[in-house]
PDB file of N, CA and C in Angstrom:
ATOM      1  N   MET A   1       6.520   5.309  -0.665  1.00  0.00           N
ATOM      2  CA  MET A   1       5.056   4.926  -1.462  1.00  0.00           C
ATOM      3  C   MET A   1       4.412   6.322  -2.069  1.00  0.00           C
ATOM      4  N   ARG A   2       4.625   7.496  -0.914  1.00  0.00           N
ATOM      5  CA  ARG A   2       3.610   8.324  -1.408  1.00  0.00           C
ATOM      6  C   ARG A   2       4.423   9.207  -2.594  1.00  0.00           C
ATOM      7  N   SER A   3       5.455   8.779  -2.790  1.00  0.00           N
ATOM      8  CA  SER A   3       6.419   9.596  -3.768  1.00  0.00           C
ATOM      9  C   SER A   3       6.247   8.734  -5.010  1.00  0.00           C
ATOM     10  N   GLN A   4       5.305   7.556  -5.529  1.00  0.00           N
ATOM     11  CA  GLN A   4       4.938   7.023  -6.565  1.00  0.00           C
ATOM     12  C   GLN A   4       3.908   7.547  -7.418  1.00  0.00           C
ATOM     13  N   PRO A   5       4.313   7.786  -9.056  1.00  0.00           N
ATOM     14  CA  PRO A   5       3.421   8.580  -9.513  1.00  0.00           C
ATOM     15  C   PRO A   5       1.979   7.993  -9.521  1.00  0.00           C
ATOM     16  N   GLY A   6       0.622   8.595  -9.995  1.00  0.00           N
ATOM     17  CA  GLY A   6      -0.295   8.160  -9.640  1.00  0.00           C
ATOM     18  C   GLY A   6      -1.343   8.486  -7.868  1.00  0.00           C
ATOM     19  N   LEU A   7      -0.563   8.521  -7.159  1.00  0.00           N
ATOM     20  CA  LEU A   7      -1.330   8.609  -6.122  1.00  0.00           C
ATOM     21  C   LEU A   7      -2.561   9.831  -5.668  1.00  0.00           C
ATOM     22  N   LEU A   8      -3.403   9.550  -5.744  1.00  0.00           N
ATOM     23  CA  LEU A   8      -4.512  10.411  -5.716  1.00  0.00           C
ATOM     24  C   LEU A   8      -5.000  10.719  -4.044  1.00  0.00           C
ATOM     25  N   ASN A   9      -4.817   9.828  -2.941  1.00  0.00           N
ATOM     26  CA  ASN A   9      -5.262  10.183  -1.753  1.00  0.00           C
ATOM     27  C   ASN A   9      -4.452   9.396  -1.016  1.00  0.00           C
ATOM     28  N   ALA A  10      -4.138   9.690   0.018  1.00  0.00           N
ATOM     29  CA  ALA A  10      -3.696   8.453   1.492  1.00  0.00           C
ATOM     30  C   ALA A  10      -4.366   8.621   2.523  1.00  0.00           C
ATOM     31  N   PRO A  11      -5.146   8.788   3.456  1.00  0.00           N
ATOM     32  CA  PRO A  11      -5.752   8.884   4.192  1.00  0.00           C
ATOM     33  C   PRO A  11      -5.527   7.848   5.373  1.00  0.00           C
ATOM     34  N   LEU A  12      -5.414   8.113   6.717  1.00  0.00           N
ATOM     35  CA  LEU A  12      -4.914   7.424   7.706  1.00  0.00           C
ATOM     36  C   LEU A  12      -6.122   6.885   8.630  1.00  0.00           C
ATOM     37  N   HIS A  13      -6.779   5.659   8.759  1.00  0.00           N
ATOM     38  CA  HIS A  13      -7.659   5.243   9.293  1.00  0.00           C
ATOM     39  C   HIS A  13      -7.734   4.797  11.089  1.00  0.00           C
ATOM     40  N   ARG A  14      -7.956   5.328  11.728  1.00  0.00           N
ATOM     41  CA  ARG A  14      -8.418   4.262  13.028  1.00  0.00           C
ATOM     42  C   ARG A  14      -9.248   3.056  12.904  1.00  0.00           C
ATOM     43  N   THR A  15      -8.578   2.385  13.542  1.00  0.00           N
ATOM     44  CA  THR A  15      -9.405   0.627  13.546  1.00  0.00           C
ATOM     45  C   THR A  15     -10.081   0.841  14.646  1.00  0.00           C
ATOM     46  N   PRO A  16     -11.526   0.247  14.434  1.00  0.00           N
ATOM     47  CA  PRO A  16     -12.673   0.628  15.603  1.00  0.00           C
ATOM     48  C   PRO A  16     -12.325  -0.386  16.882  1.00  0.00           C
ATOM     49  N   GLY A  17     -12.817  -0.313  17.806  1.00  0.00           N
ATOM     50  CA  GLY A  17     -12.291  -0.422  19.328  1.00  0.00           C
ATOM     51  C   GLY A  17     -11.607   0.280  19.943  1.00  0.00           C
ATOM     52  N   ASP A  18     -10.233  -0.235  19.895  1.00  0.00           N
ATOM     53  CA  ASP A  18      -9.157   0.767  20.820  1.00  0.00           C
ATOM     54  C   ASP A  18      -8.884   2.158  20.156  1.00  0.00           C
ATOM     55  N   GLY A  19      -8.871   1.424  18.761  1.00  0.00           N
ATOM     56  CA  GLY A  19      -8.279   3.000  17.936  1.00  0.00           C
ATOM     57  C   GLY A  19      -6.784   2.906  17.663  1.00  0.00           C
ATOM     58  N   THR A  20      -6.041   1.428  18.455  1.00  0.00           N
ATOM     59  CA  THR A  20      -4.653   1.740  18.691  1.00  0.00           C
ATOM     60  C   THR A  20      -3.914   1.350  17.413  1.00  0.00           C
ATOM     61  N   MET A  21      -4.287   1.184  16.212  1.00  0.00           N
ATOM     62  CA  MET A  21      -3.805   0.580  14.935  1.00  0.00           C
ATOM     63  C   MET A  21      -4.560   1.264  13.789  1.00  0.00           C
ATOM     64  N   LEU A  22      -3.546   1.973  13.250  1.00  0.00           N
ATOM     65  CA  LEU A  22      -3.635   3.042  12.106  1.00  0.00           C
ATOM     66  C   LEU A  22      -3.614   2.441  10.979  1.00  0.00           C
ATOM     67  N   ILE A  23      -4.425   2.373   9.954  1.00  0.00           N
ATOM     68  CA  ILE A  23      -4.549   2.017   8.173  1.00  0.00           C
ATOM     69  C   ILE A  23      -4.375   2.978   7.005  1.00  0.00           C
ATOM     70  N   ASP A  24      -3.634   3.162   6.240  1.00  0.00           N
ATOM     71  CA  ASP A  24      -3.479   4.076   5.543  1.00  0.00           C
ATOM     72  C   ASP A  24      -4.157   3.158   3.768  1.00  0.00           C
ATOM     73  N   LEU A  25      -4.982   3.787   3.941  1.00  0.00           N
ATOM     74  CA  LEU A  25      -5.878   3.052   2.562  1.00  0.00           C
ATOM     75  C   LEU A  25      -5.357   4.417   1.205  1.00  0.00           C
ATOM     76  N   ALA A  26      -4.558   3.904   0.540  1.00  0.00           N
ATOM     77  CA  ALA A  26      -4.024   4.684  -0.775  1.00  0.00           C
ATOM     78  C   ALA A  26      -4.705   4.268  -2.001  1.00  0.00           C
ATOM     79  N   ASP A  27      -5.494   5.507  -2.434  1.00  0.00           N
ATOM     80  CA  ASP A  27      -6.279   5.660  -3.230  1.00  0.00           C
ATOM     81  C   ASP A  27      -5.216   5.850  -4.350  1.00  0.00           C
ATOM     82  N   ARG A  28      -4.970   4.912  -6.147  1.00  0.00           N
ATOM     83  CA  ARG A  28      -4.220   5.221  -7.076  1.00  0.00           C
ATOM     84  C   ARG A  28      -5.593   5.585  -8.443  1.00  0.00           C
ATOM     85  N   GLN A  29      -4.618   6.527  -9.517  1.00  0.00           N
ATOM     86  CA  GLN A  29      -5.352   6.670 -10.342  1.00  0.00           C
ATOM     87  C   GLN A  29      -6.061   5.388 -11.392  1.00  0.00           C
ATOM     88  N   SER A  30      -5.327   4.114 -11.454  1.00  0.00           N
ATOM     89  CA  SER A  30      -5.751   3.081 -11.957  1.00  0.00           C
ATOM     90  C   SER A  30      -4.930   2.005 -11.464  1.00  0.00           C
ATOM     91  N   PRO A  31      -5.504   0.763 -11.804  1.00  0.00           N
ATOM     92  CA  PRO A  31      -4.558  -0.116 -11.510  1.00  0.00           C
ATOM     93  C   PRO A  31      -3.271  -0.315 -12.089  1.00  0.00           C
ATOM     94  N   ALA A  32      -3.312   0.068 -13.113  1.00  0.00           N
ATOM     95  CA  ALA A  32      -1.495   0.388 -13.446  1.00  0.00           C
ATOM     96  C   ALA A  32      -0.557   0.826 -12.321  1.00  0.00           C
ATOM     97  N   ALA A  33      -1.206   2.405 -12.481  1.00  0.00           N
ATOM     98  CA  ALA A  33      -0.235   2.999 -11.035  1.00  0.00           C
ATOM     99  C   ALA A  33      -0.248   2.215  -9.277  1.00  0.00           C
ATOM    100  N   LEU A  34      -1.445   1.451  -9.444  1.00  0.00           N
ATOM    101  CA  LEU A  34      -1.043   0.523  -8.350  1.00  0.00           C
ATOM    102  C   LEU A  34       0.165  -0.393  -8.444  1.00  0.00           C
ATOM    103  N   ARG A  35       0.055  -1.218  -9.509  1.00  0.00           N
ATOM    104  CA  ARG A  35       0.820  -2.371  -9.979  1.00  0.00           C
ATOM    105  C   ARG A  35       2.464  -1.462  -9.771  1.00  0.00           C
ATOM    106  N   GLU A  36       2.319  -0.494 -10.736  1.00  0.00           N
ATOM    107  CA  GLU A  36       3.491  -0.105 -10.637  1.00  0.00           C
ATOM    108  C   GLU A  36       4.208   0.609  -9.309  1.00  0.00           C
ATOM    109  N   ALA A  37       3.494   1.196  -8.101  1.00  0.00           N
ATOM    110  CA  ALA A  37       3.992   1.581  -7.181  1.00  0.00           C
ATOM    111  C   ALA A  37       4.257  -0.059  -6.217  1.00  0.00           C
ATOM    112  N   VAL A  38       3.562  -1.028  -6.390  1.00  0.00           N
ATOM    113  CA  VAL A  38       4.013  -2.359  -5.439  1.00  0.00           C
ATOM    114  C   VAL A  38       4.916  -2.686  -6.204  1.00  0.00           C
ATOM    115  N   CYS A  39       5.234  -2.805  -7.479  1.00  0.00           N
ATOM    116  CA  CYS A  39       6.432  -3.394  -8.052  1.00  0.00           C
ATOM    117  C   CYS A  39       7.860  -2.991  -7.501  1.00  0.00           C
ATOM    118  N   THR A  40       7.861  -2.066  -6.828  1.00  0.00           N
ATOM    119  CA  THR A  40       9.157  -1.742  -6.386  1.00  0.00           C
ATOM    120  C   THR A  40       9.783  -1.995  -5.435  1.00  0.00           C
ATOM    121  N   PRO A  41      11.427  -2.237  -5.559  1.00  0.00           N
ATOM    122  CA  PRO A  41      12.343  -2.389  -4.388  1.00  0.00           C
ATOM    123  C   PRO A  41      11.722  -1.775  -2.917  1.00  0.00           C
ATOM    124  N   GLU A  42      11.043  -0.597  -3.270  1.00  0.00           N
ATOM    125  CA  GLU A  42      10.964  -0.127  -2.300  1.00  0.00           C
ATOM    126  C   GLU A  42       9.736  -0.611  -1.185  1.00  0.00           C
ATOM    127  N   PHE A  43       8.800  -0.917  -1.940  1.00  0.00           N
ATOM    128  CA  PHE A  43       7.634  -1.875  -1.681  1.00  0.00           C
ATOM    129  C   PHE A  43       7.893  -3.556  -0.982  1.00  0.00           C
ATOM    130  N   ALA A  44       9.314  -3.749  -1.535  1.00  0.00           N
ATOM    131  CA  ALA A  44       9.439  -5.310  -1.612  1.00  0.00           C
ATOM    132  C   ALA A  44      10.003  -5.009  -0.389  1.00  0.00           C
ATOM    133  N   ALA A  45      10.668  -3.695   0.295  1.00  0.00           N
ATOM    134  CA  ALA A  45      11.830  -4.030   1.410  1.00  0.00           C
ATOM    135  C   ALA A  45      10.538  -3.571   2.505  1.00  0.00           C
ATOM    136  N   ILE A  46       9.481  -2.851   2.440  1.00  0.00           N
ATOM    137  CA  ILE A  46       8.588  -2.836   3.383  1.00  0.00           C
ATOM    138  C   ILE A  46       7.351  -3.863   3.362  1.00  0.00           C
ATOM    139  N   ALA A  47       6.904  -4.441   2.597  1.00  0.00           N
ATOM    140  CA  ALA A  47       6.578  -6.032   2.714  1.00  0.00           C
ATOM    141  C   ALA A  47       7.131  -6.921   3.547  1.00  0.00           C
ATOM    142  N   ALA A  48       8.338  -7.128   3.333  1.00  0.00           N
ATOM    143  CA  ALA A  48       9.310  -8.033   3.864  1.00  0.00           C
ATOM    144  C   ALA A  48       9.081  -8.131   5.530  1.00  0.00           C
ATOM    145  N   ASP A  49       8.829  -7.214   5.789  1.00  0.00           N
ATOM    146  CA  ASP A  49       8.264  -7.210   7.407  1.00  0.00           C
ATOM    147  C   ASP A  49       7.468  -7.603   7.646  1.00  0.00           C
ATOM    148  N   TYR A  50       6.332  -7.907   7.105  1.00  0.00           N
ATOM    149  CA  TYR A  50       4.800  -8.604   7.051  1.00  0.00           C
ATOM    150  C   TYR A  50       4.700 -10.038   7.015  1.00  0.00           C
ATOM    151  N   ALA A  51       3.817 -10.558   7.643  1.00  0.00           N
ATOM    152  CA  ALA A  51       3.738 -12.159   7.208  1.00  0.00           C
ATOM    153  C   ALA A  51       2.967 -12.103   5.752  1.00  0.00           C
ATOM    154  N   PRO A  52       3.669 -13.204   5.505  1.00  0.00           N
ATOM    155  CA  PRO A  52       2.947 -13.575   3.374  1.00  0.00           C
ATOM    156  C   PRO A  52       1.454 -13.462   3.651  1.00  0.00           C
ATOM    157  N   GLY A  53       0.882 -13.399   2.557  1.00  0.00           N
ATOM    158  CA  GLY A  53      -0.436 -13.451   2.355  1.00  0.00           C
ATOM    159  C   GLY A  53      -0.945 -12.850   1.051  1.00  0.00           C
ATOM    160  N   PRO A  54      -1.910 -12.774   0.314  1.00  0.00           N
ATOM    161  CA  PRO A  54      -2.856 -12.119  -0.776  1.00  0.00           C
ATOM    162  C   PRO A  54      -1.842 -10.998  -1.263  1.00  0.00           C
ATOM    163  N   SER A  55      -1.403 -10.085  -2.020  1.00  0.00           N
ATOM    164  CA  SER A  55      -1.000  -9.053  -2.047  1.00  0.00           C
ATOM    165  C   SER A  55      -0.934  -8.871  -3.540  1.00  0.00           C
ATOM    166  N   ALA A  56      -0.841  -7.374  -3.722  1.00  0.00           N
ATOM    167  CA  ALA A  56      -1.257  -7.056  -5.054  1.00  0.00           C
ATOM    168  C   ALA A  56       0.092  -7.409  -6.154  1.00  0.00           C
ATOM    169  N   ARG A  57       1.070  -7.845  -5.400  1.00  0.00           N
ATOM    170  CA  ARG A  57       2.812  -8.063  -5.814  1.00  0.00           C
ATOM    171  C   ARG A  57       3.032  -9.330  -6.360  1.00  0.00           C
ATOM    172  N   GLY A  58       1.994 -10.245  -6.692  1.00  0.00           N
ATOM    173  CA  GLY A  58       1.826 -11.121  -7.308  1.00  0.00           C
ATOM    174  C   GLY A  58       1.659 -11.170  -9.038  1.00  0.00           C
ATOM    175  N   SER A  59       1.339  -9.688  -9.277  1.00  0.00           N
ATOM    176  CA  SER A  59       0.986  -9.221 -10.762  1.00  0.00           C
ATOM    177  C   SER A  59       2.225  -8.147 -11.388  1.00  0.00           C
ATOM    178  N   CYS A  60       3.628  -8.949 -10.098  1.00  0.00           N
ATOM    179  CA  CYS A  60       4.742  -7.644 -10.639  1.00  0.00           C
ATOM    180  C   CYS A  60       5.529  -8.562 -11.979  1.00  0.00           C
TER     181      CYS A  60
END
């Protein structure tokens, strides 16, 4: 995902409490850059490992 065009920043944040979970918040240049990144087979393969829910993939 970091190799996709339009990435501005991708900082890691620890969750409150015990801090055992990290969250990667990716900043993209535009909504189009985000859509382009999440509409790749690479992202689909990563997302397949997680429970279904609301996501940006609905706009692919």
